[in-house]
Amino acid sequence: MSHFIVEITEQEIKREKEKARELRKTRWWKNRVAQGICHYCGGTFPPEELTMDHLVPVVRGGKSSRGNVVPACKECNSRKKYLLPVEWEEYLVSLGKGE
């Protein structure tokens, strides 16, 4: 498998962060967080405690789109940081929390 570095410019990051701010205002996103469930740990939280996490982080080429953002509790979002889904899964398995 080939690995490559995706060069993301500051301008692209800024644009995606702006798109994320707009997405947070949508009925779709409000409905997602209203459920109060963290995508990662499955915990239940008040909607205002859930953050928007990019499955593929913006700094790694991810987009601020419905297919790439999920509600996450602050703890999971902080721990995941800039990991890709497969890297996060490996991390959870190393903690004994994966499948």
C-alpha atoms as a PDB file:
ATOM      1  CA  MET A   1       0.000   0.000   0.000  1.00  0.00           C
ATOM      2  CA  SER A   2       1.445   3.360  -0.925  1.00  0.00           C
ATOM      3  CA  HIS A   3       1.521   6.162   1.585  1.00  0.00           C
ATOM      4  CA  PHE A   4       1.513   9.750   0.492  1.00  0.00           C
ATOM      5  CA  ILE A   5       1.410  13.085   2.206  1.00  0.00           C
ATOM      6  CA  VAL A   6      -1.447  15.357   1.240  1.00  0.00           C
ATOM      7  CA  GLU A   7      -0.350  18.975   1.238  1.00  0.00           C
ATOM      8  CA  ILE A   8      -3.142  21.110   2.628  1.00  0.00           C
ATOM      9  CA  THR A   9      -2.741  24.857   2.427  1.00  0.00           C
ATOM     10  CA  GLU A  10      -3.749  27.225   5.215  1.00  0.00           C
ATOM     11  CA  GLN A  11      -6.332  28.639   2.803  1.00  0.00           C
ATOM     12  CA  GLU A  12      -7.922  25.198   2.288  1.00  0.00           C
ATOM     13  CA  ILE A  13      -8.008  24.591   6.054  1.00  0.00           C
ATOM     14  CA  LYS A  14      -9.615  27.989   6.596  1.00  0.00           C
ATOM     15  CA  ARG A  15     -12.223  27.266   3.891  1.00  0.00           C
ATOM     16  CA  GLU A  16     -13.117  23.877   5.406  1.00  0.00           C
ATOM     17  CA  LYS A  17     -13.386  25.377   8.904  1.00  0.00           C
ATOM     18  CA  GLU A  18     -15.761  28.001   7.524  1.00  0.00           C
ATOM     19  CA  LYS A  19     -17.832  25.254   5.870  1.00  0.00           C
ATOM     20  CA  ALA A  20     -17.914  23.424   9.232  1.00  0.00           C
ATOM     21  CA  ARG A  21     -19.235  26.570  10.945  1.00  0.00           C
ATOM     22  CA  GLU A  22     -21.998  26.767   8.344  1.00  0.00           C
ATOM     23  CA  LEU A  23     -22.783  23.053   8.676  1.00  0.00           C
ATOM     24  CA  ARG A  24     -23.202  23.461  12.459  1.00  0.00           C
ATOM     25  CA  LYS A  25     -26.089  25.868  11.778  1.00  0.00           C
ATOM     26  CA  THR A  26     -28.047  23.406   9.655  1.00  0.00           C
ATOM     27  CA  ARG A  27     -31.137  21.494  10.748  1.00  0.00           C
ATOM     28  CA  TRP A  28     -29.318  18.278   9.751  1.00  0.00           C
ATOM     29  CA  TRP A  29     -26.499  18.899  12.257  1.00  0.00           C
ATOM     30  CA  LYS A  30     -28.862  20.095  14.981  1.00  0.00           C
ATOM     31  CA  ASN A  31     -30.811  16.846  14.576  1.00  0.00           C
ATOM     32  CA  ARG A  32     -27.584  14.828  14.822  1.00  0.00           C
ATOM     33  CA  VAL A  33     -26.478  16.420  18.104  1.00  0.00           C
ATOM     34  CA  ALA A  34     -30.040  16.444  19.485  1.00  0.00           C
ATOM     35  CA  GLN A  35     -29.735  12.651  19.707  1.00  0.00           C
ATOM     36  CA  GLY A  36     -26.944  13.267  22.229  1.00  0.00           C
ATOM     37  CA  ILE A  37     -24.822  10.269  21.237  1.00  0.00           C
ATOM     38  CA  CYS A  38     -21.049  10.335  20.743  1.00  0.00           C
ATOM     39  CA  HIS A  39     -20.100   8.585  17.490  1.00  0.00           C
ATOM     40  CA  TYR A  40     -17.016   7.034  19.098  1.00  0.00           C
ATOM     41  CA  CYS A  41     -17.786   5.953  22.675  1.00  0.00           C
ATOM     42  CA  GLY A  42     -21.566   5.702  22.307  1.00  0.00           C
ATOM     43  CA  GLY A  43     -22.034   7.758  25.463  1.00  0.00           C
ATOM     44  CA  THR A  44     -25.042  10.023  25.929  1.00  0.00           C
ATOM     45  CA  PHE A  45     -24.420  13.736  26.415  1.00  0.00           C
ATOM     46  CA  PRO A  46     -26.398  16.976  26.423  1.00  0.00           C
ATOM     47  CA  PRO A  47     -26.341  18.299  22.815  1.00  0.00           C
ATOM     48  CA  GLU A  48     -24.321  21.376  23.821  1.00  0.00           C
ATOM     49  CA  GLU A  49     -21.520  19.075  25.051  1.00  0.00           C
ATOM     50  CA  LEU A  50     -21.084  17.358  21.684  1.00  0.00           C
ATOM     51  CA  THR A  51     -18.529  18.681  19.222  1.00  0.00           C
ATOM     52  CA  MET A  52     -18.220  18.252  15.472  1.00  0.00           C
ATOM     53  CA  ASP A  53     -15.452  15.833  14.576  1.00  0.00           C
ATOM     54  CA  HIS A  54     -14.143  15.232  11.074  1.00  0.00           C
ATOM     55  CA  LEU A  55     -13.683  11.485  10.474  1.00  0.00           C
ATOM     56  CA  VAL A  56     -10.857  12.350   8.092  1.00  0.00           C
ATOM     57  CA  PRO A  57      -9.335  15.466   9.696  1.00  0.00           C
ATOM     58  CA  VAL A  58      -9.217  18.649   7.629  1.00  0.00           C
ATOM     59  CA  VAL A  59      -5.442  18.869   8.072  1.00  0.00           C
ATOM     60  CA  ARG A  60      -5.206  15.416   6.477  1.00  0.00           C
ATOM     61  CA  GLY A  61      -7.386  16.232   3.485  1.00  0.00           C
ATOM     62  CA  GLY A  62     -10.864  15.715   4.962  1.00  0.00           C
ATOM     63  CA  LYS A  63     -13.782  17.908   3.987  1.00  0.00           C
ATOM     64  CA  SER A  64     -16.479  19.597   6.039  1.00  0.00           C
ATOM     65  CA  SER A  65     -19.313  17.572   4.550  1.00  0.00           C
ATOM     66  CA  ARG A  66     -22.162  15.477   5.908  1.00  0.00           C
ATOM     67  CA  GLY A  67     -20.321  12.279   5.074  1.00  0.00           C
ATOM     68  CA  ASN A  68     -17.206  13.287   6.994  1.00  0.00           C
ATOM     69  CA  VAL A  69     -18.487  14.846  10.228  1.00  0.00           C
ATOM     70  CA  VAL A  70     -19.902  13.153  13.314  1.00  0.00           C
ATOM     71  CA  PRO A  71     -20.951  14.267  16.788  1.00  0.00           C
ATOM     72  CA  ALA A  72     -18.289  13.450  19.374  1.00  0.00           C
ATOM     73  CA  CYS A  73     -17.944  14.073  23.080  1.00  0.00           C
ATOM     74  CA  LYS A  74     -15.129  16.446  23.967  1.00  0.00           C
ATOM     75  CA  GLU A  75     -13.010  13.643  25.441  1.00  0.00           C
ATOM     76  CA  CYS A  76     -13.166  11.441  22.334  1.00  0.00           C
ATOM     77  CA  ASN A  77     -12.613  14.413  20.017  1.00  0.00           C
ATOM     78  CA  SER A  78      -9.572  15.509  22.036  1.00  0.00           C
ATOM     79  CA  ARG A  79      -8.119  12.013  22.079  1.00  0.00           C
ATOM     80  CA  LYS A  80      -8.717  11.383  18.376  1.00  0.00           C
ATOM     81  CA  LYS A  81      -7.063  14.662  17.329  1.00  0.00           C
ATOM     82  CA  TYR A  82      -5.681  14.240  13.809  1.00  0.00           C
ATOM     83  CA  LEU A  83      -5.956  10.468  13.537  1.00  0.00           C
ATOM     84  CA  LEU A  84      -7.574   8.810  10.547  1.00  0.00           C
ATOM     85  CA  PRO A  85     -10.414   6.356  11.318  1.00  0.00           C
ATOM     86  CA  VAL A  86      -8.130   3.318  10.887  1.00  0.00           C
ATOM     87  CA  GLU A  87      -5.511   4.856  13.214  1.00  0.00           C
ATOM     88  CA  TRP A  88      -8.195   5.669  15.815  1.00  0.00           C
ATOM     89  CA  GLU A  89      -9.495   2.089  15.581  1.00  0.00           C
ATOM     90  CA  GLU A  90      -5.959   0.785  16.192  1.00  0.00           C
ATOM     91  CA  TYR A  91      -5.702   3.089  19.211  1.00  0.00           C
ATOM     92  CA  LEU A  92      -9.004   1.807  20.647  1.00  0.00           C
ATOM     93  CA  VAL A  93      -7.933  -1.799  20.113  1.00  0.00           C
ATOM     94  CA  SER A  94      -4.670  -1.066  21.939  1.00  0.00           C
ATOM     95  CA  LEU A  95      -6.762   0.126  24.885  1.00  0.00           C
ATOM     96  CA  GLY A  96      -8.909  -3.001  24.704  1.00  0.00           C
ATOM     97  CA  LYS A  97     -11.980  -1.026  23.622  1.00  0.00           C
ATOM     98  CA  GLY A  98     -12.122  -2.097  19.990  1.00  0.00           C
ATOM     99  CA  GLU A  99     -14.077  -4.956  18.482  1.00  0.00           C
END
